[in-house]
Amino acid sequence: MTVKVRGIRGAITVAEDREIDIIEATYELIRTMVEENQVEASDVASVWITVTEELRSTFPAKALRRMEGWCYVPVMCSTEIPVPGSISNCIRVMMHVNTTQQQEEIRHIYLRDAIKLRPDLHLTLKNNMR
């Protein structure tokens, strides 16, 4: 099988802008993305994390530093485009992974209110959950 770089998407929401909530939610999201896609830190090319503009209390990338083996993974944080009417208090992750999986085999993860972003992918994931 040929190894290719694939993007794994994920998103989660928090109730309010508190450092502990942001770090715990980001950790939950990334752990789920890793488990559902059998990702090893050594296979991750980079991780890009965005937050909606009202989330300012911490860098969500701190959550990755709690994960064993992830200290050398390049991580970038930025603010999401503030589109009127878009979901608030949302943390989005784009993980670039070297994998043999086909595009349609990737499990994108949407948790809490972020399910609204891609209900089509959530239903697929829900049907394939262990």
Protein backbone atom coordinates (compact mmCIF):
# COMPACT_ATOMS: atom_id res chain seq x y z
CA MET A 1 0.00 0.00 0.00
CA THR A 2 1.10 3.51 -0.75
CA VAL A 3 1.42 5.97 2.11
CA LYS A 4 -0.28 9.32 1.49
CA VAL A 5 -0.90 12.41 3.57
CA ARG A 6 -4.58 12.58 4.57
CA GLY A 7 -6.46 15.18 6.53
CA ILE A 8 -8.54 14.13 9.50
CA ARG A 9 -11.10 16.72 10.58
CA GLY A 10 -12.67 17.14 13.96
CA ALA A 11 -14.61 19.67 15.99
CA ILE A 12 -16.02 20.04 19.47
CA THR A 13 -17.73 22.78 21.44
CA VAL A 14 -17.32 24.07 24.99
CA ALA A 15 -19.92 25.73 27.21
CA GLU A 16 -17.73 28.73 28.03
CA ASP A 17 -14.29 30.26 27.61
CA ARG A 18 -12.38 28.61 30.45
CA GLU A 19 -8.85 27.24 30.10
CA ILE A 20 -9.70 23.88 31.68
CA ASP A 21 -12.74 23.41 29.44
CA ILE A 22 -10.80 24.20 26.27
CA ILE A 23 -7.90 21.90 27.13
CA GLU A 24 -10.14 19.02 28.22
CA ALA A 25 -12.40 19.32 25.16
CA THR A 26 -9.42 19.50 22.79
CA TYR A 27 -7.88 16.48 24.49
CA GLU A 28 -11.15 14.52 24.17
CA LEU A 29 -11.47 15.42 20.50
CA ILE A 30 -7.91 14.56 19.56
CA ARG A 31 -7.92 11.30 21.56
CA THR A 32 -11.11 10.27 19.73
CA MET A 33 -9.63 11.21 16.33
CA VAL A 34 -6.48 9.20 17.14
CA GLU A 35 -8.38 6.14 18.40
CA GLU A 36 -10.92 6.05 15.56
CA ASN A 37 -8.21 6.36 12.90
CA GLN A 38 -5.46 4.31 14.60
CA VAL A 39 -3.05 7.26 14.44
CA GLU A 40 0.45 7.13 15.90
CA ALA A 41 2.12 10.43 16.79
CA SER A 42 5.09 9.50 14.57
CA ASP A 43 2.73 9.41 11.55
CA VAL A 44 1.38 12.93 12.13
CA ALA A 45 2.86 15.58 9.84
CA SER A 46 1.14 18.50 11.59
CA VAL A 47 -1.96 19.62 13.45
CA TRP A 48 -3.82 22.87 12.85
CA ILE A 49 -6.30 23.96 15.51
CA THR A 50 -8.71 26.85 15.16
CA VAL A 51 -11.08 28.37 17.71
CA THR A 52 -13.98 30.73 17.32
CA GLU A 53 -13.18 34.30 18.29
CA GLU A 54 -14.78 34.20 21.76
CA LEU A 55 -12.39 31.44 22.95
CA ARG A 56 -9.36 33.37 24.22
CA SER A 57 -8.38 31.91 27.60
CA THR A 58 -5.71 29.47 26.37
CA PHE A 59 -4.06 27.77 23.43
CA PRO A 60 -5.87 24.48 22.74
CA ALA A 61 -2.54 23.02 21.56
CA LYS A 62 -1.68 22.57 25.25
CA ALA A 63 -3.88 19.47 25.14
CA LEU A 64 -1.50 17.73 22.73
CA ARG A 65 1.40 18.26 25.09
CA ARG A 66 -0.41 16.06 27.63
CA MET A 67 -0.31 13.15 25.20
CA GLU A 68 2.65 10.81 25.38
CA GLY A 69 4.83 10.91 22.26
CA TRP A 70 3.31 14.10 20.84
CA CYS A 71 6.00 16.60 21.95
CA TYR A 72 7.60 16.76 18.46
CA VAL A 73 4.38 17.07 16.45
CA PRO A 74 4.16 20.56 14.89
CA VAL A 75 0.98 22.34 16.06
CA MET A 76 -0.47 25.69 15.04
CA CYS A 77 -3.42 27.56 16.56
CA SER A 78 -5.44 30.32 14.94
CA THR A 79 -8.82 32.00 15.02
CA GLU A 80 -11.66 30.78 12.83
CA ILE A 81 -13.26 33.22 10.36
CA PRO A 82 -16.10 34.96 12.27
CA VAL A 83 -18.94 34.21 9.85
CA PRO A 84 -22.29 35.62 11.09
CA GLY A 85 -24.59 32.86 12.32
CA SER A 86 -21.83 30.24 12.57
CA ILE A 87 -21.47 27.93 15.55
CA SER A 88 -19.85 29.54 18.61
CA ASN A 89 -17.48 28.22 21.28
CA CYS A 90 -16.08 25.78 18.75
CA ILE A 91 -12.64 24.17 18.52
CA ARG A 92 -11.77 22.69 15.11
CA VAL A 93 -8.84 20.40 14.34
CA MET A 94 -7.20 19.47 11.04
CA MET A 95 -4.69 16.66 11.55
CA HIS A 96 -2.37 15.81 8.61
CA VAL A 97 -1.45 12.14 8.84
CA ASN A 98 0.73 9.80 6.78
CA THR A 99 -1.44 6.74 6.23
CA THR A 100 -2.35 3.92 3.87
CA GLN A 101 -6.07 4.57 4.42
CA GLN A 102 -8.17 5.74 1.51
CA GLN A 103 -9.92 9.11 1.77
CA GLU A 104 -13.32 7.48 2.34
CA GLU A 105 -11.91 5.34 5.18
CA ILE A 106 -10.95 8.35 7.30
CA ARG A 107 -13.24 8.90 10.29
CA HIS A 108 -13.83 12.59 10.88
CA ILE A 109 -14.99 13.34 14.42
CA TYR A 110 -17.64 15.88 15.44
CA LEU A 111 -18.62 16.01 19.10
CA ARG A 112 -21.18 17.89 21.19
CA ASP A 113 -22.83 20.79 19.30
CA ALA A 114 -20.18 20.55 16.58
CA ILE A 115 -22.17 17.65 15.14
CA LYS A 116 -24.20 20.39 13.42
CA LEU A 117 -21.18 21.20 11.23
CA ARG A 118 -21.22 17.87 9.39
CA PRO A 119 -24.22 15.74 10.34
CA ASP A 120 -23.58 13.59 7.26
CA LEU A 121 -20.18 12.52 8.56
CA HIS A 122 -21.45 12.09 12.11
CA LEU A 123 -24.09 9.61 10.95
CA THR A 124 -21.47 7.64 9.07
CA LEU A 125 -19.22 7.56 12.12
CA LYS A 126 -22.10 6.66 14.44
CA ASN A 127 -23.01 3.69 12.23
CA ASN A 128 -19.40 2.48 12.19
CA MET A 129 -18.65 2.90 15.89
CA ARG A 130 -17.45 -0.16 17.78
